Amino acid sequence: MNYEGDTASATIEPVGMNNATAAGKDATDGVGLANTGILATVWGEVSGVTTDMFGNVMFEIDDGSGTKIKAVDPAFDGTFVTPIDGEYWTLTGPLAVQTDENDNLVRSIVVDTGRKIK
């Protein structure tokens, strides 16, 4: 292999994926390869927007597959998304899983960037 240029400044591009394959088999009802921790772009209709006492914005997105992804935009990261229920957004950030009230591992994303698409 021959590397040219400054590879230390190369950027990592996110992988686009639908909600059903996000987190893969790491999620309780997941399919496909485990992919938590990767930088991904997901999209869907926003629902359940809330803000906690620290300013973190939390909501879910559904791409129409019936599989929702919990999204959190931490207040401390310098970005701020302000979705409204019913809007369509695209979100980029690392994929993760969270434990819900029934001890299921559900898909989640920590929002690095978000953009309203509809």
PDB file of N, CA and C in Angstrom:
ATOM      1  N   MET A   1       0.832  -1.174   0.000  1.00  0.00           N
ATOM      2  CA  MET A   1       0.000   0.000   0.000  1.00  0.00           C
ATOM      3  C   MET A   1       0.877   1.239   0.000  1.00  0.00           C
ATOM      4  N   ASN A   2       0.451   2.215  -0.716  1.00  0.00           N
ATOM      5  CA  ASN A   2       1.186   3.457  -0.797  1.00  0.00           C
ATOM      6  C   ASN A   2       0.282   4.591  -0.335  1.00  0.00           C
ATOM      7  N   TYR A   3       0.674   5.280   0.720  1.00  0.00           N
ATOM      8  CA  TYR A   3      -0.104   6.399   1.249  1.00  0.00           C
ATOM      9  C   TYR A   3       0.554   7.700   0.836  1.00  0.00           C
ATOM     10  N   GLU A   4      -0.228   8.585   0.291  1.00  0.00           N
ATOM     11  CA  GLU A   4       0.293   9.889  -0.082  1.00  0.00           C
ATOM     12  C   GLU A   4      -0.473  10.959   0.662  1.00  0.00           C
ATOM     13  N   GLY A   5       0.183  12.014   0.994  1.00  0.00           N
ATOM     14  CA  GLY A   5      -0.480  13.126   1.659  1.00  0.00           C
ATOM     15  C   GLY A   5      -0.547  12.929   3.163  1.00  0.00           C
ATOM     16  N   ASP A   6      -1.245  13.823   3.787  1.00  0.00           N
ATOM     17  CA  ASP A   6      -1.363  13.839   5.247  1.00  0.00           C
ATOM     18  C   ASP A   6      -2.586  13.022   5.661  1.00  0.00           C
ATOM     19  N   THR A   7      -2.382  11.759   6.020  1.00  0.00           N
ATOM     20  CA  THR A   7      -3.505  10.909   6.414  1.00  0.00           C
ATOM     21  C   THR A   7      -4.039  11.267   7.788  1.00  0.00           C
ATOM     22  N   ALA A   8      -3.294  12.031   8.583  1.00  0.00           N
ATOM     23  CA  ALA A   8      -3.757  12.420   9.916  1.00  0.00           C
ATOM     24  C   ALA A   8      -4.913  13.404   9.842  1.00  0.00           C
ATOM     25  N   SER A   9      -5.072  14.083   8.718  1.00  0.00           N
ATOM     26  CA  SER A   9      -6.153  15.058   8.595  1.00  0.00           C
ATOM     27  C   SER A   9      -7.340  14.509   7.811  1.00  0.00           C
ATOM     28  N   ALA A  10      -7.338  13.229   7.499  1.00  0.00           N
ATOM     29  CA  ALA A  10      -8.454  12.623   6.765  1.00  0.00           C
ATOM     30  C   ALA A  10      -9.713  12.649   7.621  1.00  0.00           C
ATOM     31  N   THR A  11     -10.852  12.862   6.997  1.00  0.00           N
ATOM     32  CA  THR A  11     -12.109  12.880   7.725  1.00  0.00           C
ATOM     33  C   THR A  11     -12.827  11.543   7.590  1.00  0.00           C
ATOM     34  N   ILE A  12     -13.585  11.202   8.583  1.00  0.00           N
ATOM     35  CA  ILE A  12     -14.379   9.986   8.562  1.00  0.00           C
ATOM     36  C   ILE A  12     -15.787  10.365   8.136  1.00  0.00           C
ATOM     37  N   GLU A  13     -16.264   9.746   7.092  1.00  0.00           N
ATOM     38  CA  GLU A  13     -17.609  10.022   6.591  1.00  0.00           C
ATOM     39  C   GLU A  13     -18.608   9.085   7.275  1.00  0.00           C
ATOM     40  N   PRO A  14     -19.790   9.584   7.594  1.00  0.00           N
ATOM     41  CA  PRO A  14     -20.795   8.723   8.223  1.00  0.00           C
ATOM     42  C   PRO A  14     -21.366   7.718   7.228  1.00  0.00           C
ATOM     43  N   VAL A  15     -21.866   6.624   7.769  1.00  0.00           N
ATOM     44  CA  VAL A  15     -22.535   5.595   6.983  1.00  0.00           C
ATOM     45  C   VAL A  15     -24.042   5.832   7.091  1.00  0.00           C
ATOM     46  N   GLY A  16     -24.721   5.944   5.960  1.00  0.00           N
ATOM     47  CA  GLY A  16     -26.171   6.099   5.972  1.00  0.00           C
ATOM     48  C   GLY A  16     -26.830   4.738   6.142  1.00  0.00           C
ATOM     49  N   MET A  17     -27.816   4.664   7.013  1.00  0.00           N
ATOM     50  CA  MET A  17     -28.514   3.387   7.202  1.00  0.00           C
ATOM     51  C   MET A  17     -29.937   3.615   7.676  1.00  0.00           C
ATOM     52  N   ASN A  18     -30.785   2.642   7.366  1.00  0.00           N
ATOM     53  CA  ASN A  18     -32.167   2.748   7.821  1.00  0.00           C
ATOM     54  C   ASN A  18     -32.254   2.363   9.299  1.00  0.00           C
ATOM     55  N   ASN A  19     -33.367   2.698   9.926  1.00  0.00           N
ATOM     56  CA  ASN A  19     -33.510   2.473  11.368  1.00  0.00           C
ATOM     57  C   ASN A  19     -33.467   1.003  11.757  1.00  0.00           C
ATOM     58  N   ALA A  20     -33.966   0.123  10.902  1.00  0.00           N
ATOM     59  CA  ALA A  20     -34.020  -1.299  11.243  1.00  0.00           C
ATOM     60  C   ALA A  20     -32.626  -1.904  11.392  1.00  0.00           C
ATOM     61  N   THR A  21     -31.663  -1.411  10.635  1.00  0.00           N
ATOM     62  CA  THR A  21     -30.316  -1.971  10.723  1.00  0.00           C
ATOM     63  C   THR A  21     -29.402  -1.190  11.664  1.00  0.00           C
ATOM     64  N   ALA A  22     -29.837  -0.016  12.119  1.00  0.00           N
ATOM     65  CA  ALA A  22     -29.026   0.763  13.068  1.00  0.00           C
ATOM     66  C   ALA A  22     -28.851  -0.035  14.355  1.00  0.00           C
ATOM     67  N   ALA A  23     -27.630  -0.119  14.834  1.00  0.00           N
ATOM     68  CA  ALA A  23     -27.223  -0.883  16.026  1.00  0.00           C
ATOM     69  C   ALA A  23     -27.130  -2.379  15.758  1.00  0.00           C
ATOM     70  N   GLY A  24     -27.708  -2.854  14.666  1.00  0.00           N
ATOM     71  CA  GLY A  24     -27.605  -4.272  14.331  1.00  0.00           C
ATOM     72  C   GLY A  24     -28.059  -5.172  15.453  1.00  0.00           C
ATOM     73  N   LYS A  25     -27.361  -6.285  15.619  1.00  0.00           N
ATOM     74  CA  LYS A  25     -27.772  -7.269  16.617  1.00  0.00           C
ATOM     75  C   LYS A  25     -27.524  -6.812  18.050  1.00  0.00           C
ATOM     76  N   ASP A  26     -26.917  -5.625  18.232  1.00  0.00           N
ATOM     77  CA  ASP A  26     -26.743  -5.091  19.587  1.00  0.00           C
ATOM     78  C   ASP A  26     -28.078  -4.682  20.212  1.00  0.00           C
ATOM     79  N   ALA A  27     -29.072  -4.342  19.393  1.00  0.00           N
ATOM     80  CA  ALA A  27     -30.401  -3.989  19.889  1.00  0.00           C
ATOM     81  C   ALA A  27     -31.201  -5.267  20.136  1.00  0.00           C
ATOM     82  N   THR A  28     -32.153  -5.204  21.062  1.00  0.00           N
ATOM     83  CA  THR A  28     -32.932  -6.387  21.429  1.00  0.00           C
ATOM     84  C   THR A  28     -33.596  -7.045  20.218  1.00  0.00           C
ATOM     85  N   ASP A  29     -34.199  -6.257  19.333  1.00  0.00           N
ATOM     86  CA  ASP A  29     -34.856  -6.812  18.142  1.00  0.00           C
ATOM     87  C   ASP A  29     -34.041  -6.553  16.880  1.00  0.00           C
ATOM     88  N   GLY A  30     -32.741  -6.335  17.042  1.00  0.00           N
ATOM     89  CA  GLY A  30     -31.887  -5.929  15.932  1.00  0.00           C
ATOM     90  C   GLY A  30     -31.598  -7.016  14.923  1.00  0.00           C
ATOM     91  N   VAL A  31     -31.263  -6.565  13.728  1.00  0.00           N
ATOM     92  CA  VAL A  31     -30.875  -7.462  12.646  1.00  0.00           C
ATOM     93  C   VAL A  31     -29.559  -6.977  12.067  1.00  0.00           C
ATOM     94  N   GLY A  32     -28.796  -7.891  11.512  1.00  0.00           N
ATOM     95  CA  GLY A  32     -27.550  -7.528  10.857  1.00  0.00           C
ATOM     96  C   GLY A  32     -26.381  -7.450  11.815  1.00  0.00           C
ATOM     97  N   LEU A  33     -25.290  -6.975  11.290  1.00  0.00           N
ATOM     98  CA  LEU A  33     -24.053  -6.895  12.061  1.00  0.00           C
ATOM     99  C   LEU A  33     -24.155  -5.853  13.170  1.00  0.00           C
ATOM    100  N   ALA A  34     -23.503  -6.131  14.287  1.00  0.00           N
ATOM    101  CA  ALA A  34     -23.429  -5.153  15.375  1.00  0.00           C
ATOM    102  C   ALA A  34     -22.660  -3.941  14.863  1.00  0.00           C
ATOM    103  N   ASN A  35     -23.235  -2.757  15.002  1.00  0.00           N
ATOM    104  CA  ASN A  35     -22.565  -1.570  14.475  1.00  0.00           C
ATOM    105  C   ASN A  35     -22.639  -0.380  15.430  1.00  0.00           C
ATOM    106  N   THR A  36     -22.796  -0.634  16.722  1.00  0.00           N
ATOM    107  CA  THR A  36     -22.776   0.477  17.668  1.00  0.00           C
ATOM    108  C   THR A  36     -21.383   1.094  17.692  1.00  0.00           C
ATOM    109  N   GLY A  37     -21.355   2.385  17.901  1.00  0.00           N
ATOM    110  CA  GLY A  37     -20.095   3.109  17.955  1.00  0.00           C
ATOM    111  C   GLY A  37     -19.683   3.720  16.638  1.00  0.00           C
ATOM    112  N   ILE A  38     -20.295   3.309  15.533  1.00  0.00           N
ATOM    113  CA  ILE A  38     -19.900   3.893  14.250  1.00  0.00           C
ATOM    114  C   ILE A  38     -20.595   5.231  14.034  1.00  0.00           C
ATOM    115  N   LEU A  39     -20.004   6.057  13.215  1.00  0.00           N
ATOM    116  CA  LEU A  39     -20.597   7.335  12.843  1.00  0.00           C
ATOM    117  C   LEU A  39     -21.615   7.057  11.744  1.00  0.00           C
ATOM    118  N   ALA A  40     -22.868   7.384  12.012  1.00  0.00           N
ATOM    119  CA  ALA A  40     -23.934   7.057  11.070  1.00  0.00           C
ATOM    120  C   ALA A  40     -24.847   8.245  10.840  1.00  0.00           C
ATOM    121  N   THR A  41     -25.535   8.210   9.715  1.00  0.00           N
ATOM    122  CA  THR A  41     -26.593   9.168   9.423  1.00  0.00           C
ATOM    123  C   THR A  41     -27.888   8.386   9.306  1.00  0.00           C
ATOM    124  N   VAL A  42     -28.888   8.811  10.081  1.00  0.00           N
ATOM    125  CA  VAL A  42     -30.217   8.212  10.049  1.00  0.00           C
ATOM    126  C   VAL A  42     -31.227   9.332   9.814  1.00  0.00           C
ATOM    127  N   TRP A  43     -32.461   8.972   9.494  1.00  0.00           N
ATOM    128  CA  TRP A  43     -33.457   9.983   9.160  1.00  0.00           C
ATOM    129  C   TRP A  43     -34.825   9.468   9.538  1.00  0.00           C
ATOM    130  N   GLY A  44     -35.772  10.392   9.644  1.00  0.00           N
ATOM    131  CA  GLY A  44     -37.134   9.987   9.921  1.00  0.00           C
ATOM    132  C   GLY A  44     -37.975  11.104  10.493  1.00  0.00           C
ATOM    133  N   GLU A  45     -39.221  10.734  10.787  1.00  0.00           N
ATOM    134  CA  GLU A  45     -40.183  11.679  11.365  1.00  0.00           C
ATOM    135  C   GLU A  45     -39.952  11.792  12.862  1.00  0.00           C
ATOM    136  N   VAL A  46     -39.956  13.010  13.347  1.00  0.00           N
ATOM    137  CA  VAL A  46     -39.692  13.306  14.754  1.00  0.00           C
ATOM    138  C   VAL A  46     -40.955  13.127  15.588  1.00  0.00           C
ATOM    139  N   SER A  47     -40.778  12.554  16.794  1.00  0.00           N
ATOM    140  CA  SER A  47     -41.882  12.475  17.765  1.00  0.00           C
ATOM    141  C   SER A  47     -41.307  12.528  19.170  1.00  0.00           C
ATOM    142  N   GLY A  48     -42.143  12.914  20.127  1.00  0.00           N
ATOM    143  CA  GLY A  48     -41.783  12.877  21.539  1.00  0.00           C
ATOM    144  C   GLY A  48     -40.660  13.809  21.949  1.00  0.00           C
ATOM    145  N   VAL A  49     -40.647  15.036  21.423  1.00  0.00           N
ATOM    146  CA  VAL A  49     -39.575  15.982  21.744  1.00  0.00           C
ATOM    147  C   VAL A  49     -39.698  16.452  23.194  1.00  0.00           C
ATOM    148  N   THR A  50     -38.611  16.319  23.949  1.00  0.00           N
ATOM    149  CA  THR A  50     -38.550  16.813  25.324  1.00  0.00           C
ATOM    150  C   THR A  50     -37.179  17.445  25.563  1.00  0.00           C
ATOM    151  N   THR A  51     -37.113  18.262  26.592  1.00  0.00           N
ATOM    152  CA  THR A  51     -35.856  18.856  27.022  1.00  0.00           C
ATOM    153  C   THR A  51     -35.740  18.658  28.519  1.00  0.00           C
ATOM    154  N   ASP A  52     -34.589  18.207  28.986  1.00  0.00           N
ATOM    155  CA  ASP A  52     -34.425  18.012  30.426  1.00  0.00           C
ATOM    156  C   ASP A  52     -33.908  19.296  31.080  1.00  0.00           C
ATOM    157  N   MET A  53     -33.711  19.252  32.391  1.00  0.00           N
ATOM    158  CA  MET A  53     -33.330  20.452  33.134  1.00  0.00           C
ATOM    159  C   MET A  53     -31.927  20.956  32.791  1.00  0.00           C
ATOM    160  N   PHE A  54     -31.136  20.149  32.101  1.00  0.00           N
ATOM    161  CA  PHE A  54     -29.791  20.553  31.713  1.00  0.00           C
ATOM    162  C   PHE A  54     -29.742  21.129  30.302  1.00  0.00           C
ATOM    163  N   GLY A  55     -30.863  21.090  29.587  1.00  0.00           N
ATOM    164  CA  GLY A  55     -30.918  21.594  28.219  1.00  0.00           C
ATOM    165  C   GLY A  55     -30.703  20.553  27.152  1.00  0.00           C
ATOM    166  N   ASN A  56     -30.559  19.277  27.543  1.00  0.00           N
ATOM    167  CA  ASN A  56     -30.425  18.200  26.564  1.00  0.00           C
ATOM    168  C   ASN A  56     -31.758  17.999  25.856  1.00  0.00           C
ATOM    169  N   VAL A  57     -31.732  17.930  24.539  1.00  0.00           N
ATOM    170  CA  VAL A  57     -32.939  17.709  23.740  1.00  0.00           C
ATOM    171  C   VAL A  57     -33.027  16.230  23.399  1.00  0.00           C
ATOM    172  N   MET A  58     -34.191  15.608  23.686  1.00  0.00           N
ATOM    173  CA  MET A  58     -34.390  14.191  23.407  1.00  0.00           C
ATOM    174  C   MET A  58     -35.660  14.012  22.576  1.00  0.00           C
ATOM    175  N   PHE A  59     -35.607  13.066  21.645  1.00  0.00           N
ATOM    176  CA  PHE A  59     -36.757  12.772  20.802  1.00  0.00           C
ATOM    177  C   PHE A  59     -36.531  11.436  20.126  1.00  0.00           C
ATOM    178  N   GLU A  60     -37.501  10.994  19.339  1.00  0.00           N
ATOM    179  CA  GLU A  60     -37.369   9.762  18.568  1.00  0.00           C
ATOM    180  C   GLU A  60     -37.584  10.081  17.105  1.00  0.00           C
ATOM    181  N   ILE A  61     -36.985   9.266  16.239  1.00  0.00           N
ATOM    182  CA  ILE A  61     -37.253   9.374  14.810  1.00  0.00           C
ATOM    183  C   ILE A  61     -37.666   8.006  14.283  1.00  0.00           C
ATOM    184  N   ASP A  62     -38.558   8.024  13.305  1.00  0.00           N
ATOM    185  CA  ASP A  62     -39.055   6.797  12.669  1.00  0.00           C
ATOM    186  C   ASP A  62     -38.996   7.003  11.168  1.00  0.00           C
ATOM    187  N   ASP A  63     -38.262   6.136  10.482  1.00  0.00           N
ATOM    188  CA  ASP A  63     -38.096   6.256   9.031  1.00  0.00           C
ATOM    189  C   ASP A  63     -39.216   5.578   8.242  1.00  0.00           C
ATOM    190  N   GLY A  64     -40.241   5.116   8.942  1.00  0.00           N
ATOM    191  CA  GLY A  64     -41.350   4.441   8.271  1.00  0.00           C
ATOM    192  C   GLY A  64     -41.277   2.937   8.384  1.00  0.00           C
ATOM    193  N   SER A  65     -40.166   2.422   8.899  1.00  0.00           N
ATOM    194  CA  SER A  65     -40.008   0.976   9.050  1.00  0.00           C
ATOM    195  C   SER A  65     -40.684   0.468  10.322  1.00  0.00           C
ATOM    196  N   GLY A  66     -41.160   1.390  11.166  1.00  0.00           N
ATOM    197  CA  GLY A  66     -41.752   0.997  12.443  1.00  0.00           C
ATOM    198  C   GLY A  66     -40.712   0.847  13.541  1.00  0.00           C
ATOM    199  N   THR A  67     -39.466   1.093  13.217  1.00  0.00           N
ATOM    200  CA  THR A  67     -38.372   1.006  14.183  1.00  0.00           C
ATOM    201  C   THR A  67     -37.930   2.417  14.540  1.00  0.00           C
ATOM    202  N   LYS A  68     -38.051   2.772  15.805  1.00  0.00           N
ATOM    203  CA  LYS A  68     -37.684   4.115  16.241  1.00  0.00           C
ATOM    204  C   LYS A  68     -36.272   4.136  16.801  1.00  0.00           C
ATOM    205  N   ILE A  69     -35.631   5.285  16.638  1.00  0.00           N
ATOM    206  CA  ILE A  69     -34.323   5.524  17.228  1.00  0.00           C
ATOM    207  C   ILE A  69     -34.457   6.682  18.201  1.00  0.00           C
ATOM    208  N   LYS A  70     -34.003   6.462  19.438  1.00  0.00           N
ATOM    209  CA  LYS A  70     -33.973   7.540  20.420  1.00  0.00           C
ATOM    210  C   LYS A  70     -32.797   8.433  20.097  1.00  0.00           C
ATOM    211  N   ALA A  71     -33.044   9.741  20.070  1.00  0.00           N
ATOM    212  CA  ALA A  71     -31.990  10.705  19.771  1.00  0.00           C
ATOM    213  C   ALA A  71     -31.810  11.623  20.970  1.00  0.00           C
ATOM    214  N   VAL A  72     -30.562  11.935  21.261  1.00  0.00           N
ATOM    215  CA  VAL A  72     -30.272  12.920  22.299  1.00  0.00           C
ATOM    216  C   VAL A  72     -29.242  13.896  21.742  1.00  0.00           C
ATOM    217  N   ASP A  73     -29.520  15.174  21.936  1.00  0.00           N
ATOM    218  CA  ASP A  73     -28.580  16.216  21.573  1.00  0.00           C
ATOM    219  C   ASP A  73     -28.081  16.835  22.863  1.00  0.00           C
ATOM    220  N   PRO A  74     -26.885  16.436  23.327  1.00  0.00           N
ATOM    221  CA  PRO A  74     -26.364  16.968  24.582  1.00  0.00           C
ATOM    222  C   PRO A  74     -26.160  18.484  24.503  1.00  0.00           C
ATOM    223  N   ALA A  75     -26.585  19.184  25.535  1.00  0.00           N
ATOM    224  CA  ALA A  75     -26.496  20.645  25.567  1.00  0.00           C
ATOM    225  C   ALA A  75     -25.059  21.139  25.551  1.00  0.00           C
ATOM    226  N   PHE A  76     -24.129  20.346  26.044  1.00  0.00           N
ATOM    227  CA  PHE A  76     -22.753  20.796  26.207  1.00  0.00           C
ATOM    228  C   PHE A  76     -21.894  20.688  24.953  1.00  0.00           C
ATOM    229  N   ASP A  77     -22.407  20.098  23.868  1.00  0.00           N
ATOM    230  CA  ASP A  77     -21.540  19.807  22.721  1.00  0.00           C
ATOM    231  C   ASP A  77     -21.395  20.945  21.718  1.00  0.00           C
ATOM    232  N   GLY A  78     -22.082  22.047  21.922  1.00  0.00           N
ATOM    233  CA  GLY A  78     -21.936  23.191  21.027  1.00  0.00           C
ATOM    234  C   GLY A  78     -22.894  23.214  19.854  1.00  0.00           C
ATOM    235  N   THR A  79     -23.626  22.121  19.627  1.00  0.00           N
ATOM    236  CA  THR A  79     -24.660  22.130  18.594  1.00  0.00           C
ATOM    237  C   THR A  79     -26.009  22.079  19.280  1.00  0.00           C
ATOM    238  N   PHE A  80     -27.026  22.538  18.592  1.00  0.00           N
ATOM    239  CA  PHE A  80     -28.355  22.528  19.199  1.00  0.00           C
ATOM    240  C   PHE A  80     -29.383  22.292  18.112  1.00  0.00           C
ATOM    241  N   VAL A  81     -30.113  21.200  18.211  1.00  0.00           N
ATOM    242  CA  VAL A  81     -31.182  20.928  17.263  1.00  0.00           C
ATOM    243  C   VAL A  81     -32.518  21.230  17.943  1.00  0.00           C
ATOM    244  N   THR A  82     -33.462  21.735  17.174  1.00  0.00           N
ATOM    245  CA  THR A  82     -34.760  22.102  17.724  1.00  0.00           C
ATOM    246  C   THR A  82     -35.886  21.521  16.876  1.00  0.00           C
ATOM    247  N   PRO A  83     -36.024  20.193  16.879  1.00  0.00           N
ATOM    248  CA  PRO A  83     -37.077  19.590  16.064  1.00  0.00           C
ATOM    249  C   PRO A  83     -38.450  19.788  16.690  1.00  0.00           C
ATOM    250  N   ILE A  84     -39.461  19.692  15.853  1.00  0.00           N
ATOM    251  CA  ILE A  84     -40.854  19.759  16.277  1.00  0.00           C
ATOM    252  C   ILE A  84     -41.515  18.467  15.840  1.00  0.00           C
ATOM    253  N   ASP A  85     -42.390  17.908  16.678  1.00  0.00           N
ATOM    254  CA  ASP A  85     -43.103  16.682  16.322  1.00  0.00           C
ATOM    255  C   ASP A  85     -43.704  16.805  14.924  1.00  0.00           C
ATOM    256  N   GLY A  86     -43.521  15.768  14.109  1.00  0.00           N
ATOM    257  CA  GLY A  86     -44.072  15.732  12.759  1.00  0.00           C
ATOM    258  C   GLY A  86     -43.103  16.174  11.681  1.00  0.00           C
ATOM    259  N   GLU A  87     -42.018  16.868  12.055  1.00  0.00           N
ATOM    260  CA  GLU A  87     -41.006  17.251  11.071  1.00  0.00           C
ATOM    261  C   GLU A  87     -40.166  16.028  10.704  1.00  0.00           C
ATOM    262  N   TYR A  88     -39.488  16.104   9.574  1.00  0.00           N
ATOM    263  CA  TYR A  88     -38.556  15.056   9.152  1.00  0.00           C
ATOM    264  C   TYR A  88     -37.140  15.609   9.257  1.00  0.00           C
ATOM    265  N   TRP A  89     -36.276  14.841   9.923  1.00  0.00           N
ATOM    266  CA  TRP A  89     -34.901  15.275  10.167  1.00  0.00           C
ATOM    267  C   TRP A  89     -33.929  14.182   9.753  1.00  0.00           C
ATOM    268  N   THR A  90     -32.727  14.604   9.385  1.00  0.00           N
ATOM    269  CA  THR A  90     -31.610  13.703   9.216  1.00  0.00           C
ATOM    270  C   THR A  90     -30.628  13.994  10.349  1.00  0.00           C
ATOM    271  N   LEU A  91     -30.094  12.944  10.973  1.00  0.00           N
ATOM    272  CA  LEU A  91     -29.221  13.080  12.134  1.00  0.00           C
ATOM    273  C   LEU A  91     -27.936  12.314  11.904  1.00  0.00           C
ATOM    274  N   THR A  92     -26.828  12.891  12.323  1.00  0.00           N
ATOM    275  CA  THR A  92     -25.540  12.219  12.225  1.00  0.00           C
ATOM    276  C   THR A  92     -24.881  12.208  13.595  1.00  0.00           C
ATOM    277  N   GLY A  93     -24.339  11.058  13.953  1.00  0.00           N
ATOM    278  CA  GLY A  93     -23.642  10.896  15.224  1.00  0.00           C
ATOM    279  C   GLY A  93     -23.334   9.426  15.456  1.00  0.00           C
ATOM    280  N   PRO A  94     -22.701   9.118  16.590  1.00  0.00           N
ATOM    281  CA  PRO A  94     -22.398   7.718  16.894  1.00  0.00           C
ATOM    282  C   PRO A  94     -23.645   6.945  17.309  1.00  0.00           C
ATOM    283  N   LEU A  95     -23.773   5.714  16.818  1.00  0.00           N
ATOM    284  CA  LEU A  95     -24.879   4.845  17.199  1.00  0.00           C
ATOM    285  C   LEU A  95     -24.593   4.198  18.550  1.00  0.00           C
ATOM    286  N   ALA A  96     -25.641   3.972  19.309  1.00  0.00           N
ATOM    287  CA  ALA A  96     -25.505   3.330  20.619  1.00  0.00           C
ATOM    288  C   ALA A  96     -26.787   2.558  20.911  1.00  0.00           C
ATOM    289  N   VAL A  97     -26.818   1.894  22.037  1.00  0.00           N
ATOM    290  CA  VAL A  97     -28.046   1.292  22.550  1.00  0.00           C
ATOM    291  C   VAL A  97     -28.250   1.783  23.986  1.00  0.00           C
ATOM    292  N   GLN A  98     -29.513   1.868  24.379  1.00  0.00           N
ATOM    293  CA  GLN A  98     -29.883   2.247  25.739  1.00  0.00           C
ATOM    294  C   GLN A  98     -30.841   1.208  26.276  1.00  0.00           C
ATOM    295  N   THR A  99     -30.867   1.068  27.581  1.00  0.00           N
ATOM    296  CA  THR A  99     -31.822   0.162  28.208  1.00  0.00           C
ATOM    297  C   THR A  99     -33.117   0.922  28.472  1.00  0.00           C
ATOM    298  N   ASP A 100     -34.248   0.353  28.027  1.00  0.00           N
ATOM    299  CA  ASP A 100     -35.539   0.995  28.290  1.00  0.00           C
ATOM    300  C   ASP A 100     -36.129   0.476  29.602  1.00  0.00           C
ATOM    301  N   GLU A 101     -37.354   0.893  29.895  1.00  0.00           N
ATOM    302  CA  GLU A 101     -38.001   0.521  31.159  1.00  0.00           C
ATOM    303  C   GLU A 101     -38.276  -0.975  31.278  1.00  0.00           C
ATOM    304  N   ASN A 102     -38.236  -1.715  30.166  1.00  0.00           N
ATOM    305  CA  ASN A 102     -38.449  -3.167  30.178  1.00  0.00           C
ATOM    306  C   ASN A 102     -37.139  -3.946  30.039  1.00  0.00           C
ATOM    307  N   ASP A 103     -36.021  -3.278  30.230  1.00  0.00           N
ATOM    308  CA  ASP A 103     -34.680  -3.863  30.105  1.00  0.00           C
ATOM    309  C   ASP A 103     -34.344  -4.330  28.692  1.00  0.00           C
ATOM    310  N   ASN A 104     -35.024  -3.774  27.690  1.00  0.00           N
ATOM    311  CA  ASN A 104     -34.671  -4.039  26.299  1.00  0.00           C
ATOM    312  C   ASN A 104     -33.582  -3.068  25.875  1.00  0.00           C
ATOM    313  N   LEU A 105     -32.715  -3.504  24.988  1.00  0.00           N
ATOM    314  CA  LEU A 105     -31.702  -2.615  24.424  1.00  0.00           C
ATOM    315  C   LEU A 105     -32.286  -1.969  23.179  1.00  0.00           C
ATOM    316  N   VAL A 106     -32.509  -0.654  23.239  1.00  0.00           N
ATOM    317  CA  VAL A 106     -33.129   0.081  22.135  1.00  0.00           C
ATOM    318  C   VAL A 106     -32.087   0.952  21.446  1.00  0.00           C
ATOM    319  N   ARG A 107     -32.310   1.191  20.165  1.00  0.00           N
ATOM    320  CA  ARG A 107     -31.390   1.973  19.359  1.00  0.00           C
ATOM    321  C   ARG A 107     -31.369   3.433  19.815  1.00  0.00           C
ATOM    322  N   SER A 108     -30.176   4.041  19.746  1.00  0.00           N
ATOM    323  CA  SER A 108     -30.073   5.463  20.054  1.00  0.00           C
ATOM    324  C   SER A 108     -28.928   6.071  19.252  1.00  0.00           C
ATOM    325  N   ILE A 109     -28.965   7.387  19.162  1.00  0.00           N
ATOM    326  CA  ILE A 109     -27.904   8.135  18.485  1.00  0.00           C
ATOM    327  C   ILE A 109     -27.643   9.396  19.288  1.00  0.00           C
ATOM    328  N   VAL A 110     -26.372   9.718  19.459  1.00  0.00           N
ATOM    329  CA  VAL A 110     -25.977  10.977  20.090  1.00  0.00           C
ATOM    330  C   VAL A 110     -25.760  11.960  18.944  1.00  0.00           C
ATOM    331  N   VAL A 111     -26.602  12.976  18.877  1.00  0.00           N
ATOM    332  CA  VAL A 111     -26.624  13.866  17.715  1.00  0.00           C
ATOM    333  C   VAL A 111     -25.389  14.761  17.690  1.00  0.00           C
ATOM    334  N   ASP A 112     -24.635  14.636  16.607  1.00  0.00           N
ATOM    335  CA  ASP A 112     -23.516  15.532  16.352  1.00  0.00           C
ATOM    336  C   ASP A 112     -23.991  16.663  15.457  1.00  0.00           C
ATOM    337  N   THR A 113     -24.718  16.302  14.395  1.00  0.00           N
ATOM    338  CA  THR A 113     -25.340  17.304  13.522  1.00  0.00           C
ATOM    339  C   THR A 113     -26.745  16.837  13.181  1.00  0.00           C
ATOM    340  N   GLY A 114     -27.622  17.780  12.994  1.00  0.00           N
ATOM    341  CA  GLY A 114     -28.998  17.480  12.607  1.00  0.00           C
ATOM    342  C   GLY A 114     -29.484  18.540  11.649  1.00  0.00           C
ATOM    343  N   ARG A 115     -30.384  18.130  10.773  1.00  0.00           N
ATOM    344  CA  ARG A 115     -30.903  19.061   9.784  1.00  0.00           C
ATOM    345  C   ARG A 115     -32.336  18.699   9.445  1.00  0.00           C
ATOM    346  N   LYS A 116     -33.194  19.689   9.445  1.00  0.00           N
ATOM    347  CA  LYS A 116     -34.577  19.492   9.044  1.00  0.00           C
ATOM    348  C   LYS A 116     -34.616  19.259   7.546  1.00  0.00           C
ATOM    349  N   ILE A 117     -35.330  18.203   7.119  1.00  0.00           N
ATOM    350  CA  ILE A 117     -35.399  17.921   5.678  1.00  0.00           C
ATOM    351  C   ILE A 117     -36.805  18.111   5.113  1.00  0.00           C
ATOM    352  N   LYS A 118     -37.803  18.234   5.989  1.00  0.00           N
ATOM    353  CA  LYS A 118     -39.166  18.446   5.499  1.00  0.00           C
ATOM    354  C   LYS A 118     -40.018  19.035   6.591  1.00  0.00           C
TER     355      LYS A 118
END
